[in-house]
Amino acid sequence: MRLVREETGSTAVEYAVLGALVAVAALVGYVAYAGALDGLYGLLGREVGGALVP
């Protein structure tokens, strides 16, 4: 007779934590990507003498 039951499947809490981690990683990636694009366009704007800035 076994007194300890082994769990093989994931619970809803584990899926929620995993989903939250993926959401945070996606948000951090988006912010880093947006910052890099902003820096790139700022550099291009300065290089052409402000012609791209309205």
N, C-alpha and C. Protein backbone atom coordinates (compact mmCIF):
# COMPACT_ATOMS: atom_id res chain seq x y z
N MET A 1 0.84 -1.18 0.00
CA MET A 1 0.00 0.00 0.00
C MET A 1 0.89 1.25 0.00
N ARG A 2 0.63 2.12 -0.95
CA ARG A 2 1.43 3.34 -1.05
C ARG A 2 0.70 4.48 -0.37
N LEU A 3 1.41 5.18 0.48
CA LEU A 3 0.82 6.30 1.20
C LEU A 3 1.06 7.63 0.49
N VAL A 4 2.11 7.71 -0.32
CA VAL A 4 2.44 8.94 -1.02
C VAL A 4 2.05 8.79 -2.48
N ARG A 5 1.27 9.71 -2.96
CA ARG A 5 0.82 9.68 -4.36
C ARG A 5 1.74 10.54 -5.19
N GLU A 6 2.23 10.00 -6.28
CA GLU A 6 3.09 10.76 -7.17
C GLU A 6 2.24 11.51 -8.18
N GLU A 7 2.54 12.80 -8.33
CA GLU A 7 1.81 13.60 -9.30
C GLU A 7 2.63 13.68 -10.58
N THR A 8 1.97 13.42 -11.69
CA THR A 8 2.68 13.47 -12.97
C THR A 8 2.24 14.65 -13.81
N GLY A 9 1.09 15.23 -13.54
CA GLY A 9 0.60 16.34 -14.35
C GLY A 9 0.83 17.68 -13.68
N SER A 10 0.76 18.73 -14.47
CA SER A 10 0.91 20.08 -13.94
C SER A 10 -0.43 20.58 -13.42
N THR A 11 -0.36 21.39 -12.40
CA THR A 11 -1.59 21.96 -11.84
C THR A 11 -1.86 23.32 -12.47
N ALA A 12 -3.03 23.85 -12.19
CA ALA A 12 -3.40 25.15 -12.74
C ALA A 12 -2.49 26.25 -12.21
N VAL A 13 -2.03 26.12 -10.97
CA VAL A 13 -1.14 27.13 -10.40
C VAL A 13 0.18 27.15 -11.15
N GLU A 14 0.70 25.97 -11.48
CA GLU A 14 1.95 25.91 -12.23
C GLU A 14 1.80 26.53 -13.61
N TYR A 15 0.68 26.28 -14.26
CA TYR A 15 0.43 26.90 -15.57
C TYR A 15 0.28 28.42 -15.44
N ALA A 16 -0.34 28.89 -14.38
CA ALA A 16 -0.49 30.33 -14.18
C ALA A 16 0.86 30.99 -13.95
N VAL A 17 1.71 30.36 -13.16
CA VAL A 17 3.05 30.91 -12.92
C VAL A 17 3.85 30.93 -14.21
N LEU A 18 3.77 29.86 -14.98
CA LEU A 18 4.48 29.80 -16.26
C LEU A 18 3.97 30.88 -17.21
N GLY A 19 2.67 31.07 -17.27
CA GLY A 19 2.09 32.11 -18.12
C GLY A 19 2.53 33.50 -17.69
N ALA A 20 2.60 33.74 -16.38
CA ALA A 20 3.05 35.04 -15.88
C ALA A 20 4.51 35.28 -16.24
N LEU A 21 5.34 34.26 -16.13
CA LEU A 21 6.75 34.40 -16.50
C LEU A 21 6.92 34.70 -17.98
N VAL A 22 6.13 34.05 -18.82
CA VAL A 22 6.19 34.31 -20.26
C VAL A 22 5.75 35.74 -20.55
N ALA A 23 4.70 36.20 -19.87
CA ALA A 23 4.21 37.57 -20.08
C ALA A 23 5.26 38.59 -19.67
N VAL A 24 5.92 38.37 -18.55
CA VAL A 24 6.97 39.29 -18.10
C VAL A 24 8.13 39.30 -19.08
N ALA A 25 8.52 38.12 -19.55
CA ALA A 25 9.63 38.04 -20.51
C ALA A 25 9.27 38.76 -21.81
N ALA A 26 8.03 38.61 -22.27
CA ALA A 26 7.61 39.29 -23.49
C ALA A 26 7.60 40.81 -23.30
N LEU A 27 7.16 41.27 -22.14
CA LEU A 27 7.13 42.71 -21.87
C LEU A 27 8.54 43.29 -21.80
N VAL A 28 9.45 42.59 -21.15
CA VAL A 28 10.84 43.05 -21.06
C VAL A 28 11.46 43.08 -22.45
N GLY A 29 11.20 42.07 -23.26
CA GLY A 29 11.72 42.05 -24.62
C GLY A 29 11.17 43.18 -25.46
N TYR A 30 9.90 43.47 -25.31
CA TYR A 30 9.28 44.56 -26.07
C TYR A 30 9.89 45.91 -25.67
N VAL A 31 10.06 46.13 -24.38
CA VAL A 31 10.63 47.40 -23.91
C VAL A 31 12.06 47.56 -24.41
N ALA A 32 12.84 46.48 -24.36
CA ALA A 32 14.23 46.56 -24.84
C ALA A 32 14.27 46.82 -26.34
N TYR A 33 13.38 46.17 -27.09
CA TYR A 33 13.33 46.36 -28.54
C TYR A 33 12.91 47.78 -28.89
N ALA A 34 11.91 48.30 -28.18
CA ALA A 34 11.44 49.66 -28.44
C ALA A 34 12.53 50.68 -28.10
N GLY A 35 13.26 50.44 -27.03
CA GLY A 35 14.35 51.34 -26.66
C GLY A 35 15.46 51.32 -27.70
N ALA A 36 15.76 50.14 -28.23
CA ALA A 36 16.79 50.04 -29.25
C ALA A 36 16.37 50.76 -30.53
N LEU A 37 15.11 50.62 -30.91
CA LEU A 37 14.62 51.31 -32.11
C LEU A 37 14.63 52.82 -31.91
N ASP A 38 14.25 53.26 -30.72
CA ASP A 38 14.25 54.70 -30.44
C ASP A 38 15.67 55.26 -30.53
N GLY A 39 16.62 54.53 -30.00
CA GLY A 39 18.01 54.96 -30.08
C GLY A 39 18.52 54.98 -31.51
N LEU A 40 18.12 53.99 -32.29
CA LEU A 40 18.56 53.92 -33.69
C LEU A 40 17.99 55.08 -34.50
N TYR A 41 16.70 55.35 -34.34
CA TYR A 41 16.09 56.46 -35.09
C TYR A 41 16.63 57.81 -34.62
N GLY A 42 16.94 57.93 -33.33
CA GLY A 42 17.55 59.15 -32.84
C GLY A 42 18.92 59.37 -33.44
N LEU A 43 19.70 58.31 -33.55
CA LEU A 43 21.02 58.39 -34.17
C LEU A 43 20.91 58.77 -35.64
N LEU A 44 19.99 58.14 -36.34
CA LEU A 44 19.80 58.47 -37.76
C LEU A 44 19.36 59.92 -37.92
N GLY A 45 18.50 60.40 -37.03
CA GLY A 45 18.04 61.78 -37.10
C GLY A 45 19.18 62.76 -36.89
N ARG A 46 20.06 62.45 -35.98
CA ARG A 46 21.21 63.33 -35.74
C ARG A 46 22.19 63.28 -36.90
N GLU A 47 22.34 62.12 -37.52
CA GLU A 47 23.31 61.97 -38.61
C GLU A 47 22.90 62.75 -39.86
N VAL A 48 21.62 62.85 -40.12
CA VAL A 48 21.18 63.57 -41.33
C VAL A 48 20.85 65.03 -41.01
N GLY A 49 21.27 65.49 -39.87
CA GLY A 49 21.09 66.90 -39.53
C GLY A 49 19.69 67.27 -39.11
N GLY A 50 18.94 66.34 -38.56
CA GLY A 50 17.60 66.65 -38.08
C GLY A 50 16.56 66.68 -39.17
N ALA A 51 16.87 66.16 -40.36
CA ALA A 51 15.90 66.20 -41.45
C ALA A 51 14.71 65.28 -41.18
N LEU A 52 14.89 64.24 -40.36
CA LEU A 52 13.80 63.32 -40.08
C LEU A 52 12.92 63.80 -38.93
N VAL A 53 13.36 64.84 -38.23
CA VAL A 53 12.59 65.34 -37.09
C VAL A 53 11.65 66.43 -37.58
N PRO A 54 10.35 66.30 -37.31
CA PRO A 54 9.40 67.32 -37.80
C PRO A 54 9.56 68.64 -37.10
